[in-house]
Amino acid sequence: MVSLLMIGIAAWGKCFGLVSSFQVVGGIIGVGVFLFFVALAGLIGAMKHHQVLLFFNHLLEVGWNNSLTTQRDVEKSLNCCGFSHMDVNGSCAAPCFHYSTCTTCAAKIQEHAGEVLRFVGGIGLFFSFTEILGVWLTYRYRNQKDPRANPSAFL
């Protein structure tokens, strides 16, 4: 959205003669096109996220099966047993195993990942609204004059 806004405003400013420098307009349009391609790549990545999640799930499962010490550390720290199913042979290192209240570690990892994603999403929303506020304030106060400015100076 911001990229299309930058491209549109730069073209509009050049069309109506508000900006005389072609280099400035070209730079703004170039940055807008770059931002558009970054957003497009993010959109395509978000649409195909299921393949990425399957890859990371497989990576976690292979890593889980190949390292017994990692299994014990994760089970102790997250208080869970087994990766995708409960470990019934008594080799679980979690304290909850003795009380039969354990969940699988995959569910715990997914829960923690969801918390992290909500946190990161909140930070992204904060910066998005900050950017929108900056655009609005720039638009609102664009014609204010600085009393210390020299009227005969070009910029």
N, C-alpha and C. Protein backbone atom coordinates (compact mmCIF):
# COMPACT_ATOMS: atom_id res chain seq x y z
N MET A 1 0.83 -1.18 0.00
CA MET A 1 0.00 0.00 0.00
C MET A 1 0.88 1.25 0.00
N VAL A 2 1.88 1.26 0.86
CA VAL A 2 2.78 2.41 0.93
C VAL A 2 3.55 2.56 -0.37
N SER A 3 3.95 1.44 -0.97
CA SER A 3 4.72 1.51 -2.21
C SER A 3 3.87 2.09 -3.34
N LEU A 4 2.63 1.65 -3.45
CA LEU A 4 1.75 2.20 -4.49
C LEU A 4 1.45 3.66 -4.23
N LEU A 5 1.32 4.04 -2.96
CA LEU A 5 1.11 5.44 -2.61
C LEU A 5 2.31 6.28 -3.00
N MET A 6 3.52 5.78 -2.76
CA MET A 6 4.73 6.52 -3.14
C MET A 6 4.82 6.69 -4.65
N ILE A 7 4.54 5.63 -5.39
CA ILE A 7 4.60 5.70 -6.85
C ILE A 7 3.56 6.68 -7.37
N GLY A 8 2.35 6.59 -6.85
CA GLY A 8 1.27 7.47 -7.30
C GLY A 8 1.52 8.92 -6.99
N ILE A 9 1.98 9.22 -5.78
CA ILE A 9 2.23 10.62 -5.41
C ILE A 9 3.39 11.20 -6.20
N ALA A 10 4.44 10.41 -6.44
CA ALA A 10 5.56 10.91 -7.23
C ALA A 10 5.13 11.21 -8.66
N ALA A 11 4.35 10.32 -9.25
CA ALA A 11 3.87 10.55 -10.61
C ALA A 11 2.92 11.73 -10.66
N TRP A 12 2.05 11.85 -9.67
CA TRP A 12 1.10 12.97 -9.60
C TRP A 12 1.84 14.30 -9.45
N GLY A 13 2.87 14.32 -8.58
CA GLY A 13 3.65 15.54 -8.38
C GLY A 13 4.39 15.96 -9.64
N LYS A 14 4.91 15.01 -10.38
CA LYS A 14 5.61 15.32 -11.63
C LYS A 14 4.62 15.77 -12.69
N CYS A 15 3.47 15.14 -12.73
CA CYS A 15 2.45 15.46 -13.74
C CYS A 15 1.93 16.89 -13.58
N PHE A 16 1.72 17.31 -12.35
CA PHE A 16 1.17 18.64 -12.10
C PHE A 16 2.24 19.70 -11.88
N GLY A 17 3.48 19.34 -12.07
CA GLY A 17 4.57 20.31 -11.99
C GLY A 17 4.94 20.72 -10.58
N LEU A 18 4.54 19.95 -9.58
CA LEU A 18 4.88 20.29 -8.20
C LEU A 18 6.33 19.97 -7.89
N VAL A 19 6.89 18.98 -8.57
CA VAL A 19 8.28 18.60 -8.39
C VAL A 19 8.97 18.75 -9.74
N SER A 20 10.03 19.55 -9.76
CA SER A 20 10.69 19.81 -11.04
C SER A 20 11.86 18.86 -11.30
N SER A 21 12.39 18.24 -10.27
CA SER A 21 13.55 17.38 -10.41
C SER A 21 13.14 15.96 -10.80
N PHE A 22 13.60 15.52 -11.97
CA PHE A 22 13.29 14.17 -12.42
C PHE A 22 14.02 13.13 -11.57
N GLN A 23 15.20 13.49 -11.03
CA GLN A 23 15.95 12.54 -10.20
C GLN A 23 15.20 12.22 -8.91
N VAL A 24 14.57 13.23 -8.31
CA VAL A 24 13.81 13.00 -7.08
C VAL A 24 12.62 12.10 -7.36
N VAL A 25 11.89 12.39 -8.44
CA VAL A 25 10.73 11.59 -8.80
C VAL A 25 11.15 10.17 -9.14
N GLY A 26 12.23 10.03 -9.90
CA GLY A 26 12.73 8.70 -10.25
C GLY A 26 13.17 7.91 -9.02
N GLY A 27 13.81 8.59 -8.07
CA GLY A 27 14.22 7.92 -6.83
C GLY A 27 13.03 7.45 -6.01
N ILE A 28 12.01 8.30 -5.90
CA ILE A 28 10.81 7.92 -5.14
C ILE A 28 10.09 6.76 -5.82
N ILE A 29 9.97 6.82 -7.13
CA ILE A 29 9.31 5.72 -7.86
C ILE A 29 10.13 4.44 -7.74
N GLY A 30 11.46 4.55 -7.82
CA GLY A 30 12.31 3.36 -7.67
C GLY A 30 12.17 2.71 -6.30
N VAL A 31 12.15 3.53 -5.24
CA VAL A 31 11.95 2.99 -3.89
C VAL A 31 10.57 2.37 -3.77
N GLY A 32 9.57 3.02 -4.37
CA GLY A 32 8.21 2.47 -4.34
C GLY A 32 8.11 1.13 -5.05
N VAL A 33 8.78 1.00 -6.19
CA VAL A 33 8.77 -0.28 -6.91
C VAL A 33 9.49 -1.36 -6.10
N PHE A 34 10.61 -0.99 -5.48
CA PHE A 34 11.33 -1.95 -4.63
C PHE A 34 10.45 -2.42 -3.47
N LEU A 35 9.78 -1.49 -2.80
CA LEU A 35 8.88 -1.87 -1.70
C LEU A 35 7.73 -2.74 -2.19
N PHE A 36 7.25 -2.45 -3.40
CA PHE A 36 6.17 -3.26 -3.96
C PHE A 36 6.63 -4.70 -4.18
N PHE A 37 7.84 -4.88 -4.71
CA PHE A 37 8.34 -6.24 -4.94
C PHE A 37 8.60 -6.98 -3.63
N VAL A 38 9.07 -6.25 -2.60
CA VAL A 38 9.27 -6.88 -1.29
C VAL A 38 7.92 -7.34 -0.73
N ALA A 39 6.90 -6.48 -0.85
CA ALA A 39 5.56 -6.85 -0.37
C ALA A 39 4.99 -8.01 -1.18
N LEU A 40 5.23 -8.02 -2.48
CA LEU A 40 4.74 -9.11 -3.32
C LEU A 40 5.41 -10.43 -2.96
N ALA A 41 6.71 -10.38 -2.67
CA ALA A 41 7.41 -11.60 -2.25
C ALA A 41 6.86 -12.10 -0.91
N GLY A 42 6.56 -11.18 0.01
CA GLY A 42 5.96 -11.57 1.28
C GLY A 42 4.58 -12.17 1.11
N LEU A 43 3.81 -11.62 0.17
CA LEU A 43 2.47 -12.15 -0.09
C LEU A 43 2.54 -13.56 -0.66
N ILE A 44 3.43 -13.77 -1.60
CA ILE A 44 3.58 -15.10 -2.19
C ILE A 44 4.07 -16.09 -1.12
N GLY A 45 5.00 -15.65 -0.28
CA GLY A 45 5.47 -16.51 0.80
C GLY A 45 4.38 -16.85 1.80
N ALA A 46 3.50 -15.88 2.08
CA ALA A 46 2.40 -16.13 3.02
C ALA A 46 1.37 -17.08 2.41
N MET A 47 1.16 -17.00 1.10
CA MET A 47 0.20 -17.89 0.47
C MET A 47 0.69 -19.34 0.46
N LYS A 48 1.99 -19.55 0.43
CA LYS A 48 2.55 -20.90 0.36
C LYS A 48 3.19 -21.32 1.68
N HIS A 49 2.72 -20.73 2.78
CA HIS A 49 3.35 -20.99 4.07
C HIS A 49 3.22 -22.43 4.53
N HIS A 50 2.26 -23.16 4.04
CA HIS A 50 2.08 -24.53 4.50
C HIS A 50 3.29 -25.40 4.16
N GLN A 51 3.94 -25.17 3.03
CA GLN A 51 5.12 -25.95 2.67
C GLN A 51 6.28 -25.63 3.60
N VAL A 52 6.40 -24.38 3.97
CA VAL A 52 7.47 -23.98 4.87
C VAL A 52 7.24 -24.58 6.25
N LEU A 53 5.98 -24.55 6.71
CA LEU A 53 5.69 -25.13 8.02
C LEU A 53 5.92 -26.63 8.03
N LEU A 54 5.60 -27.31 6.94
CA LEU A 54 5.88 -28.74 6.86
C LEU A 54 7.38 -29.02 6.91
N PHE A 55 8.16 -28.16 6.25
CA PHE A 55 9.61 -28.32 6.28
C PHE A 55 10.14 -28.18 7.70
N PHE A 56 9.69 -27.13 8.41
CA PHE A 56 10.17 -26.92 9.77
C PHE A 56 9.69 -28.02 10.72
N ASN A 57 8.47 -28.51 10.50
CA ASN A 57 7.97 -29.62 11.31
C ASN A 57 8.83 -30.86 11.10
N HIS A 58 9.17 -31.15 9.85
CA HIS A 58 10.02 -32.30 9.55
C HIS A 58 11.41 -32.11 10.15
N LEU A 59 11.94 -30.89 10.05
CA LEU A 59 13.25 -30.59 10.61
C LEU A 59 13.25 -30.79 12.12
N LEU A 60 12.20 -30.34 12.80
CA LEU A 60 12.10 -30.53 14.24
C LEU A 60 12.01 -32.01 14.61
N GLU A 61 11.23 -32.75 13.85
CA GLU A 61 11.05 -34.17 14.15
C GLU A 61 12.34 -34.96 13.94
N VAL A 62 13.07 -34.67 12.88
CA VAL A 62 14.35 -35.36 12.64
C VAL A 62 15.35 -34.98 13.72
N GLY A 63 15.40 -33.69 14.06
CA GLY A 63 16.30 -33.26 15.13
C GLY A 63 15.94 -33.88 16.47
N TRP A 64 14.66 -34.03 16.71
CA TRP A 64 14.18 -34.65 17.95
C TRP A 64 14.61 -36.12 18.03
N ASN A 65 14.45 -36.84 16.95
CA ASN A 65 14.77 -38.27 16.95
C ASN A 65 16.27 -38.54 17.00
N ASN A 66 17.09 -37.61 16.55
CA ASN A 66 18.53 -37.85 16.48
C ASN A 66 19.30 -37.44 17.72
N SER A 67 18.68 -36.74 18.65
CA SER A 67 19.42 -36.25 19.80
C SER A 67 18.66 -36.53 21.09
N LEU A 68 19.15 -37.48 21.85
CA LEU A 68 18.51 -37.85 23.11
C LEU A 68 18.69 -36.77 24.17
N THR A 69 19.85 -36.11 24.18
CA THR A 69 20.07 -35.05 25.17
C THR A 69 19.16 -33.86 24.91
N THR A 70 18.93 -33.54 23.64
CA THR A 70 18.02 -32.45 23.31
C THR A 70 16.60 -32.80 23.74
N GLN A 71 16.21 -34.05 23.56
CA GLN A 71 14.88 -34.49 24.00
C GLN A 71 14.72 -34.27 25.49
N ARG A 72 15.70 -34.68 26.26
CA ARG A 72 15.62 -34.55 27.73
C ARG A 72 15.57 -33.08 28.14
N ASP A 73 16.40 -32.24 27.51
CA ASP A 73 16.41 -30.81 27.85
C ASP A 73 15.08 -30.15 27.54
N VAL A 74 14.51 -30.46 26.38
CA VAL A 74 13.23 -29.86 25.99
C VAL A 74 12.12 -30.36 26.90
N GLU A 75 12.13 -31.64 27.21
CA GLU A 75 11.10 -32.20 28.07
C GLU A 75 11.14 -31.59 29.47
N LYS A 76 12.33 -31.34 29.98
CA LYS A 76 12.45 -30.72 31.30
C LYS A 76 12.02 -29.26 31.27
N SER A 77 12.48 -28.52 30.27
CA SER A 77 12.19 -27.08 30.25
C SER A 77 10.74 -26.77 29.88
N LEU A 78 10.13 -27.54 28.99
CA LEU A 78 8.74 -27.28 28.59
C LEU A 78 7.73 -28.12 29.36
N ASN A 79 8.20 -29.05 30.18
CA ASN A 79 7.33 -29.93 30.98
C ASN A 79 6.37 -30.70 30.07
N CYS A 80 6.95 -31.47 29.13
CA CYS A 80 6.17 -32.24 28.16
C CYS A 80 6.87 -33.57 27.91
N CYS A 81 6.15 -34.49 27.27
CA CYS A 81 6.72 -35.81 27.00
C CYS A 81 6.49 -36.20 25.55
N GLY A 82 7.55 -36.63 24.87
CA GLY A 82 7.44 -37.07 23.48
C GLY A 82 7.23 -35.91 22.53
N PHE A 83 7.52 -36.15 21.26
CA PHE A 83 7.35 -35.07 20.29
C PHE A 83 5.92 -35.02 19.76
N SER A 84 5.48 -36.07 19.09
CA SER A 84 4.13 -36.06 18.53
C SER A 84 3.19 -37.01 19.25
N HIS A 85 3.72 -37.88 20.09
CA HIS A 85 2.88 -38.78 20.90
C HIS A 85 3.59 -39.02 22.23
N MET A 86 2.81 -39.38 23.24
CA MET A 86 3.35 -39.58 24.59
C MET A 86 4.31 -40.77 24.62
N ASP A 87 5.35 -40.61 25.41
CA ASP A 87 6.35 -41.66 25.58
C ASP A 87 5.93 -42.51 26.79
N VAL A 88 5.41 -43.69 26.55
CA VAL A 88 4.84 -44.50 27.63
C VAL A 88 5.84 -45.47 28.27
N ASN A 89 7.04 -45.56 27.76
CA ASN A 89 7.99 -46.54 28.31
C ASN A 89 8.77 -46.01 29.51
N GLY A 90 8.45 -44.83 29.99
CA GLY A 90 9.07 -44.30 31.20
C GLY A 90 10.37 -43.56 30.99
N SER A 91 10.73 -43.23 29.78
CA SER A 91 11.98 -42.53 29.54
C SER A 91 11.82 -41.01 29.50
N CYS A 92 10.66 -40.51 29.86
CA CYS A 92 10.41 -39.07 29.84
C CYS A 92 11.07 -38.41 31.05
N ALA A 93 11.71 -37.26 30.83
CA ALA A 93 12.42 -36.57 31.90
C ALA A 93 11.60 -35.45 32.53
N ALA A 94 10.38 -35.24 32.08
CA ALA A 94 9.56 -34.13 32.59
C ALA A 94 8.94 -34.49 33.94
N PRO A 95 8.80 -33.52 34.84
CA PRO A 95 8.17 -33.79 36.13
C PRO A 95 6.70 -34.18 36.02
N CYS A 96 6.02 -33.74 34.97
CA CYS A 96 4.59 -34.03 34.83
C CYS A 96 4.32 -35.49 34.45
N PHE A 97 5.34 -36.23 34.06
CA PHE A 97 5.15 -37.61 33.60
C PHE A 97 4.61 -38.51 34.72
N HIS A 98 5.01 -38.24 35.94
CA HIS A 98 4.59 -39.08 37.07
C HIS A 98 3.13 -38.83 37.46
N TYR A 99 2.57 -37.68 37.04
CA TYR A 99 1.19 -37.34 37.40
C TYR A 99 0.22 -37.54 36.24
N SER A 100 0.69 -38.00 35.10
CA SER A 100 -0.12 -38.26 33.90
C SER A 100 -0.85 -37.01 33.40
N THR A 101 -0.22 -35.85 33.53
CA THR A 101 -0.82 -34.61 33.04
C THR A 101 -0.01 -34.00 31.91
N CYS A 102 0.89 -34.77 31.34
CA CYS A 102 1.78 -34.23 30.30
C CYS A 102 1.06 -34.11 28.96
N THR A 103 1.50 -33.13 28.20
CA THR A 103 1.09 -32.99 26.80
C THR A 103 2.31 -33.26 25.94
N THR A 104 2.11 -33.35 24.64
CA THR A 104 3.24 -33.59 23.74
C THR A 104 4.05 -32.32 23.58
N CYS A 105 5.32 -32.48 23.27
CA CYS A 105 6.20 -31.33 23.10
C CYS A 105 5.88 -30.55 21.83
N ALA A 106 5.35 -31.23 20.81
CA ALA A 106 4.97 -30.51 19.59
C ALA A 106 3.86 -29.52 19.88
N ALA A 107 2.91 -29.90 20.73
CA ALA A 107 1.83 -28.97 21.10
C ALA A 107 2.37 -27.79 21.89
N LYS A 108 3.30 -28.05 22.80
CA LYS A 108 3.90 -26.97 23.59
C LYS A 108 4.71 -26.02 22.71
N ILE A 109 5.48 -26.58 21.77
CA ILE A 109 6.27 -25.75 20.86
C ILE A 109 5.35 -24.91 19.99
N GLN A 110 4.26 -25.50 19.52
CA GLN A 110 3.30 -24.76 18.71
C GLN A 110 2.65 -23.64 19.52
N GLU A 111 2.36 -23.90 20.78
CA GLU A 111 1.78 -22.87 21.65
C GLU A 111 2.75 -21.71 21.84
N HIS A 112 4.02 -22.02 22.10
CA HIS A 112 5.02 -20.97 22.27
C HIS A 112 5.25 -20.20 20.97
N ALA A 113 5.24 -20.89 19.84
CA ALA A 113 5.42 -20.22 18.55
C ALA A 113 4.25 -19.27 18.28
N GLY A 114 3.03 -19.68 18.65
CA GLY A 114 1.87 -18.80 18.49
C GLY A 114 1.99 -17.54 19.33
N GLU A 115 2.50 -17.68 20.56
CA GLU A 115 2.71 -16.51 21.41
C GLU A 115 3.73 -15.56 20.80
N VAL A 116 4.81 -16.11 20.28
CA VAL A 116 5.84 -15.28 19.66
C VAL A 116 5.29 -14.57 18.42
N LEU A 117 4.51 -15.28 17.61
CA LEU A 117 3.94 -14.67 16.41
C LEU A 117 2.97 -13.55 16.76
N ARG A 118 2.17 -13.71 17.81
CA ARG A 118 1.28 -12.64 18.23
C ARG A 118 2.07 -11.43 18.70
N PHE A 119 3.16 -11.67 19.41
CA PHE A 119 4.01 -10.58 19.89
C PHE A 119 4.64 -9.83 18.72
N VAL A 120 5.20 -10.57 17.77
CA VAL A 120 5.83 -9.95 16.60
C VAL A 120 4.78 -9.22 15.76
N GLY A 121 3.59 -9.80 15.63
CA GLY A 121 2.51 -9.13 14.90
C GLY A 121 2.11 -7.83 15.56
N GLY A 122 2.07 -7.80 16.88
CA GLY A 122 1.76 -6.56 17.60
C GLY A 122 2.81 -5.49 17.36
N ILE A 123 4.07 -5.89 17.34
CA ILE A 123 5.13 -4.92 17.05
C ILE A 123 4.99 -4.40 15.62
N GLY A 124 4.67 -5.29 14.67
CA GLY A 124 4.46 -4.85 13.29
C GLY A 124 3.31 -3.88 13.17
N LEU A 125 2.20 -4.15 13.87
CA LEU A 125 1.07 -3.22 13.85
C LEU A 125 1.44 -1.88 14.46
N PHE A 126 2.22 -1.89 15.54
CA PHE A 126 2.66 -0.64 16.15
C PHE A 126 3.43 0.21 15.16
N PHE A 127 4.39 -0.39 14.47
CA PHE A 127 5.19 0.37 13.51
C PHE A 127 4.36 0.79 12.30
N SER A 128 3.40 -0.02 11.89
CA SER A 128 2.52 0.37 10.78
C SER A 128 1.70 1.59 11.14
N PHE A 129 1.11 1.57 12.33
CA PHE A 129 0.31 2.72 12.75
C PHE A 129 1.18 3.95 12.97
N THR A 130 2.41 3.75 13.44
CA THR A 130 3.33 4.87 13.59
C THR A 130 3.65 5.48 12.23
N GLU A 131 3.83 4.64 11.22
CA GLU A 131 4.10 5.14 9.87
C GLU A 131 2.89 5.89 9.32
N ILE A 132 1.70 5.36 9.53
CA ILE A 132 0.48 6.04 9.07
C ILE A 132 0.32 7.38 9.79
N LEU A 133 0.62 7.41 11.10
CA LEU A 133 0.56 8.66 11.84
C LEU A 133 1.55 9.67 11.28
N GLY A 134 2.75 9.22 10.93
CA GLY A 134 3.74 10.12 10.34
C GLY A 134 3.30 10.68 9.01
N VAL A 135 2.68 9.86 8.18
CA VAL A 135 2.16 10.34 6.89
C VAL A 135 1.06 11.36 7.12
N TRP A 136 0.16 11.07 8.06
CA TRP A 136 -0.94 12.00 8.34
C TRP A 136 -0.42 13.32 8.89
N LEU A 137 0.55 13.28 9.83
CA LEU A 137 1.10 14.52 10.38
C LEU A 137 1.85 15.32 9.31
N THR A 138 2.53 14.63 8.43
CA THR A 138 3.22 15.32 7.33
C THR A 138 2.21 16.02 6.43
N TYR A 139 1.13 15.34 6.12
CA TYR A 139 0.09 15.94 5.28
C TYR A 139 -0.57 17.11 6.00
N ARG A 140 -0.80 16.95 7.29
CA ARG A 140 -1.51 17.97 8.07
C ARG A 140 -0.69 19.25 8.20
N TYR A 141 0.60 19.14 8.44
CA TYR A 141 1.43 20.31 8.71
C TYR A 141 2.38 20.63 7.57
N ARG A 142 2.07 20.24 6.36
CA ARG A 142 2.98 20.43 5.22
C ARG A 142 3.14 21.89 4.83
N ASN A 143 2.18 22.75 5.09
CA ASN A 143 2.25 24.13 4.63
C ASN A 143 2.63 25.11 5.72
N GLN A 144 3.06 24.64 6.87
CA GLN A 144 3.47 25.56 7.93
C GLN A 144 4.82 26.16 7.58
N LYS A 145 4.96 27.43 7.88
CA LYS A 145 6.21 28.13 7.59
C LYS A 145 7.05 28.23 8.86
N ASP A 146 8.35 28.15 8.69
CA ASP A 146 9.27 28.29 9.80
C ASP A 146 9.56 29.78 9.96
N PRO A 147 9.30 30.38 11.13
CA PRO A 147 9.54 31.82 11.29
C PRO A 147 11.02 32.19 11.21
N ARG A 148 11.91 31.25 11.44
CA ARG A 148 13.34 31.53 11.36
C ARG A 148 13.89 31.40 9.95
N ALA A 149 13.08 30.93 9.03
CA ALA A 149 13.55 30.66 7.67
C ALA A 149 13.82 31.97 6.91
N ASN A 150 14.82 31.93 6.05
CA ASN A 150 15.16 33.07 5.20
C ASN A 150 14.29 32.97 3.94
N PRO A 151 13.42 33.95 3.69
CA PRO A 151 12.52 33.85 2.54
C PRO A 151 13.23 33.89 1.20
N SER A 152 14.46 34.41 1.14
CA SER A 152 15.15 34.49 -0.14
C SER A 152 15.95 33.21 -0.43
N ALA A 153 16.05 32.31 0.53
CA ALA A 153 16.78 31.06 0.31
C ALA A 153 15.91 30.09 -0.48
N PHE A 154 16.56 29.30 -1.34
CA PHE A 154 15.80 28.36 -2.18
C PHE A 154 15.27 27.19 -1.36
N LEU A 155 16.13 26.56 -0.60
CA LEU A 155 15.71 25.44 0.25
C LEU A 155 16.08 25.78 1.63
